Amino acid sequence: MQIRVMRSLIGWTMFTCVTAAAATQASAESFAVPAELWDRPRSAAAVMAWAPVRQAVTAWLAQPAARLVVHHGPGQESQLQAEEIRAWLTALALEAERVTLRGDLKGTEPLLLEVMSDK
C-alpha cells in the first residue's frame, strides 16, 4: 500500500514539475479548499487529489520565490484545518518556511490557499 502511494506521489511530482514549467506567472493566485475535504479520511494521495490543493502547489512550484499562504477563519476548527493542510504540504516536500498561516477570513469561509509572488 505504501509503495503504491509513493509511486503515485512520485508520478504526481513529475507531472507537477512538467505542468509548473508551463504555468503562467501572476502576482497572486487563490484556491478555495472545499469543506468536503474534511468529511473523509485524509492521506497524502487524498489531499493531493483535490484540485484546489493540486493547483495551488502547481502554481507555487512555477514561481521559485513564491510563498503559499493558508488563509483561515477565526475559530479553532478552521485554525486546526489550516495547520493540517500546512503539515500535509510540508510532508509532501514543500519548503516549510514558504508556507504560512494567516487567520484573516471571516466566519465559516472555507480555507483559501494563496500563492503570492515576491515580485
C-alpha atoms as a PDB file:
ATOM      1  CA  MET A   1       0.000   0.000   0.000  1.00  0.00           C
ATOM      2  CA  GLN A   2       2.747   2.469   0.957  1.00  0.00           C
ATOM      3  CA  ILE A   3       4.703   1.628  -2.189  1.00  0.00           C
ATOM      4  CA  ARG A   4       1.627   2.325  -4.315  1.00  0.00           C
ATOM      5  CA  VAL A   5       1.107   5.680  -2.569  1.00  0.00           C
ATOM      6  CA  MET A   6       4.777   6.597  -3.015  1.00  0.00           C
ATOM      7  CA  ARG A   7       4.665   5.663  -6.719  1.00  0.00           C
ATOM      8  CA  SER A   8       1.552   7.760  -7.095  1.00  0.00           C
ATOM      9  CA  LEU A   9       3.241  10.705  -5.365  1.00  0.00           C
ATOM     10  CA  ILE A  10       6.362  10.347  -7.499  1.00  0.00           C
ATOM     11  CA  GLY A  11       4.222  10.261 -10.629  1.00  0.00           C
ATOM     12  CA  TRP A  12       2.266  13.275  -9.421  1.00  0.00           C
ATOM     13  CA  THR A  13       5.502  15.133  -8.641  1.00  0.00           C
ATOM     14  CA  MET A  14       6.860  14.529 -12.144  1.00  0.00           C
ATOM     15  CA  PHE A  15       3.526  15.656 -13.635  1.00  0.00           C
ATOM     16  CA  THR A  16       3.541  18.757 -11.441  1.00  0.00           C
ATOM     17  CA  CYS A  17       7.077  19.699 -12.447  1.00  0.00           C
ATOM     18  CA  VAL A  18       6.172  19.493 -16.121  1.00  0.00           C
ATOM     19  CA  THR A  19       2.929  21.389 -15.543  1.00  0.00           C
ATOM     20  CA  ALA A  20       4.635  24.002 -13.390  1.00  0.00           C
ATOM     21  CA  ALA A  21       7.049  24.849 -16.158  1.00  0.00           C
ATOM     22  CA  ALA A  22       4.112  25.729 -18.385  1.00  0.00           C
ATOM     23  CA  ALA A  23       2.077  27.626 -15.776  1.00  0.00           C
ATOM     24  CA  THR A  24       1.674  31.345 -16.188  1.00  0.00           C
ATOM     25  CA  GLN A  25       3.130  33.553 -13.501  1.00  0.00           C
ATOM     26  CA  ALA A  26       0.964  36.008 -11.597  1.00  0.00           C
ATOM     27  CA  SER A  27       1.445  38.103  -8.505  1.00  0.00           C
ATOM     28  CA  ALA A  28      -1.210  36.157  -6.559  1.00  0.00           C
ATOM     29  CA  GLU A  29      -3.470  33.196  -7.240  1.00  0.00           C
ATOM     30  CA  SER A  30      -6.094  31.861  -4.821  1.00  0.00           C
ATOM     31  CA  PHE A  31      -7.682  28.430  -4.464  1.00  0.00           C
ATOM     32  CA  ALA A  32     -10.563  27.639  -2.086  1.00  0.00           C
ATOM     33  CA  VAL A  33     -10.326  24.319  -0.240  1.00  0.00           C
ATOM     34  CA  PRO A  34     -13.793  22.714  -0.243  1.00  0.00           C
ATOM     35  CA  ALA A  35     -15.357  21.704   3.064  1.00  0.00           C
ATOM     36  CA  GLU A  36     -15.757  18.138   1.711  1.00  0.00           C
ATOM     37  CA  LEU A  37     -12.039  17.554   2.231  1.00  0.00           C
ATOM     38  CA  TRP A  38     -12.623  17.448   5.989  1.00  0.00           C
ATOM     39  CA  ASP A  39     -15.529  14.969   5.757  1.00  0.00           C
ATOM     40  CA  ARG A  40     -13.358  11.971   4.841  1.00  0.00           C
ATOM     41  CA  PRO A  41     -10.148  10.316   5.936  1.00  0.00           C
ATOM     42  CA  ARG A  42      -7.077  12.064   4.579  1.00  0.00           C
ATOM     43  CA  SER A  43      -3.821  10.741   3.217  1.00  0.00           C
ATOM     44  CA  ALA A  44      -1.122  12.367   1.115  1.00  0.00           C
ATOM     45  CA  ALA A  45      -2.721  10.996  -2.041  1.00  0.00           C
ATOM     46  CA  ALA A  46      -6.206  12.145  -0.970  1.00  0.00           C
ATOM     47  CA  VAL A  47      -5.035  15.679  -0.169  1.00  0.00           C
ATOM     48  CA  MET A  48      -3.202  15.996  -3.485  1.00  0.00           C
ATOM     49  CA  ALA A  49      -6.197  14.589  -5.373  1.00  0.00           C
ATOM     50  CA  TRP A  50      -8.219  17.715  -4.539  1.00  0.00           C
ATOM     51  CA  ALA A  51      -7.971  20.100  -7.496  1.00  0.00           C
ATOM     52  CA  PRO A  52      -7.550  23.314  -5.433  1.00  0.00           C
ATOM     53  CA  VAL A  53      -4.620  21.856  -3.480  1.00  0.00           C
ATOM     54  CA  ARG A  54      -3.021  20.436  -6.627  1.00  0.00           C
ATOM     55  CA  GLN A  55      -3.494  23.748  -8.489  1.00  0.00           C
ATOM     56  CA  ALA A  56      -2.016  25.758  -5.620  1.00  0.00           C
ATOM     57  CA  VAL A  57       1.038  23.502  -5.436  1.00  0.00           C
ATOM     58  CA  THR A  58       1.497  23.677  -9.211  1.00  0.00           C
ATOM     59  CA  ALA A  59       1.321  27.483  -9.135  1.00  0.00           C
ATOM     60  CA  TRP A  60       3.715  27.564  -6.176  1.00  0.00           C
ATOM     61  CA  LEU A  61       6.240  25.340  -7.969  1.00  0.00           C
ATOM     62  CA  ALA A  62       6.096  27.567 -11.059  1.00  0.00           C
ATOM     63  CA  GLN A  63       7.311  30.544  -9.018  1.00  0.00           C
ATOM     64  CA  PRO A  64      10.566  29.787  -7.179  1.00  0.00           C
ATOM     65  CA  ALA A  65      10.315  32.861  -4.942  1.00  0.00           C
ATOM     66  CA  ALA A  66       6.595  32.492  -4.180  1.00  0.00           C
ATOM     67  CA  ARG A  67       5.024  31.915  -0.783  1.00  0.00           C
ATOM     68  CA  LEU A  68       1.937  29.823  -0.136  1.00  0.00           C
ATOM     69  CA  VAL A  69      -0.399  31.442   2.390  1.00  0.00           C
ATOM     70  CA  VAL A  70      -3.128  29.363   4.011  1.00  0.00           C
ATOM     71  CA  HIS A  71      -5.924  31.776   4.966  1.00  0.00           C
ATOM     72  CA  HIS A  72      -8.265  30.516   7.696  1.00  0.00           C
ATOM     73  CA  GLY A  73     -11.133  31.741   9.839  1.00  0.00           C
ATOM     74  CA  PRO A  74     -11.100  32.817  13.478  1.00  0.00           C
ATOM     75  CA  GLY A  75     -12.319  29.569  15.027  1.00  0.00           C
ATOM     76  CA  GLN A  76     -10.269  26.717  16.431  1.00  0.00           C
ATOM     77  CA  GLU A  77     -11.565  24.233  13.836  1.00  0.00           C
ATOM     78  CA  SER A  78     -10.506  26.468  10.962  1.00  0.00           C
ATOM     79  CA  GLN A  79      -7.075  27.009  12.506  1.00  0.00           C
ATOM     80  CA  LEU A  80      -6.611  23.264  13.012  1.00  0.00           C
ATOM     81  CA  GLN A  81      -7.576  22.621   9.388  1.00  0.00           C
ATOM     82  CA  ALA A  82      -5.061  25.236   8.230  1.00  0.00           C
ATOM     83  CA  GLU A  83      -2.339  23.656  10.355  1.00  0.00           C
ATOM     84  CA  GLU A  84      -3.197  20.229   8.957  1.00  0.00           C
ATOM     85  CA  ILE A  85      -3.013  21.484   5.357  1.00  0.00           C
ATOM     86  CA  ARG A  86       0.364  23.090   6.115  1.00  0.00           C
ATOM     87  CA  ALA A  87       1.585  19.835   7.668  1.00  0.00           C
ATOM     88  CA  TRP A  88       0.486  17.825   4.625  1.00  0.00           C
ATOM     89  CA  LEU A  89       2.122  20.286   2.232  1.00  0.00           C
ATOM     90  CA  THR A  90       5.420  20.284   4.098  1.00  0.00           C
ATOM     91  CA  ALA A  91       5.293  16.486   4.397  1.00  0.00           C
ATOM     92  CA  LEU A  92       4.949  16.423   0.613  1.00  0.00           C
ATOM     93  CA  ALA A  93       8.218  18.379   0.302  1.00  0.00           C
ATOM     94  CA  LEU A  94       7.060  21.991   0.132  1.00  0.00           C
ATOM     95  CA  GLU A  95       9.508  24.187   1.997  1.00  0.00           C
ATOM     96  CA  ALA A  96       8.049  24.908   5.439  1.00  0.00           C
ATOM     97  CA  GLU A  97       9.424  28.450   5.567  1.00  0.00           C
ATOM     98  CA  ARG A  98       7.476  29.292   2.386  1.00  0.00           C
ATOM     99  CA  VAL A  99       4.114  28.076   3.755  1.00  0.00           C
ATOM    100  CA  THR A 100       2.457  30.422   6.247  1.00  0.00           C
ATOM    101  CA  LEU A 101      -0.880  30.671   8.029  1.00  0.00           C
ATOM    102  CA  ARG A 102      -2.993  33.800   8.201  1.00  0.00           C
ATOM    103  CA  GLY A 103      -6.198  33.997  10.277  1.00  0.00           C
ATOM    104  CA  ASP A 104      -7.888  36.711   8.239  1.00  0.00           C
ATOM    105  CA  LEU A 105     -11.068  35.053   6.946  1.00  0.00           C
ATOM    106  CA  LYS A 106     -14.479  35.833   8.395  1.00  0.00           C
ATOM    107  CA  GLY A 107     -16.915  33.363   9.878  1.00  0.00           C
ATOM    108  CA  THR A 108     -17.147  29.985   8.224  1.00  0.00           C
ATOM    109  CA  GLU A 109     -15.448  30.773   4.917  1.00  0.00           C
ATOM    110  CA  PRO A 110     -13.526  27.787   3.535  1.00  0.00           C
ATOM    111  CA  LEU A 111      -9.754  27.740   3.744  1.00  0.00           C
ATOM    112  CA  LEU A 112      -8.087  29.679   0.974  1.00  0.00           C
ATOM    113  CA  LEU A 113      -4.690  28.756  -0.452  1.00  0.00           C
ATOM    114  CA  GLU A 114      -2.973  31.801  -1.955  1.00  0.00           C
ATOM    115  CA  VAL A 115       0.234  31.698  -3.951  1.00  0.00           C
ATOM    116  CA  MET A 116       1.936  35.065  -3.582  1.00  0.00           C
ATOM    117  CA  SER A 117       4.885  36.132  -5.650  1.00  0.00           C
ATOM    118  CA  ASP A 118       7.574  38.237  -4.018  1.00  0.00           C
ATOM    119  CA  LYS A 119       7.962  40.333  -7.161  1.00  0.00           C
END
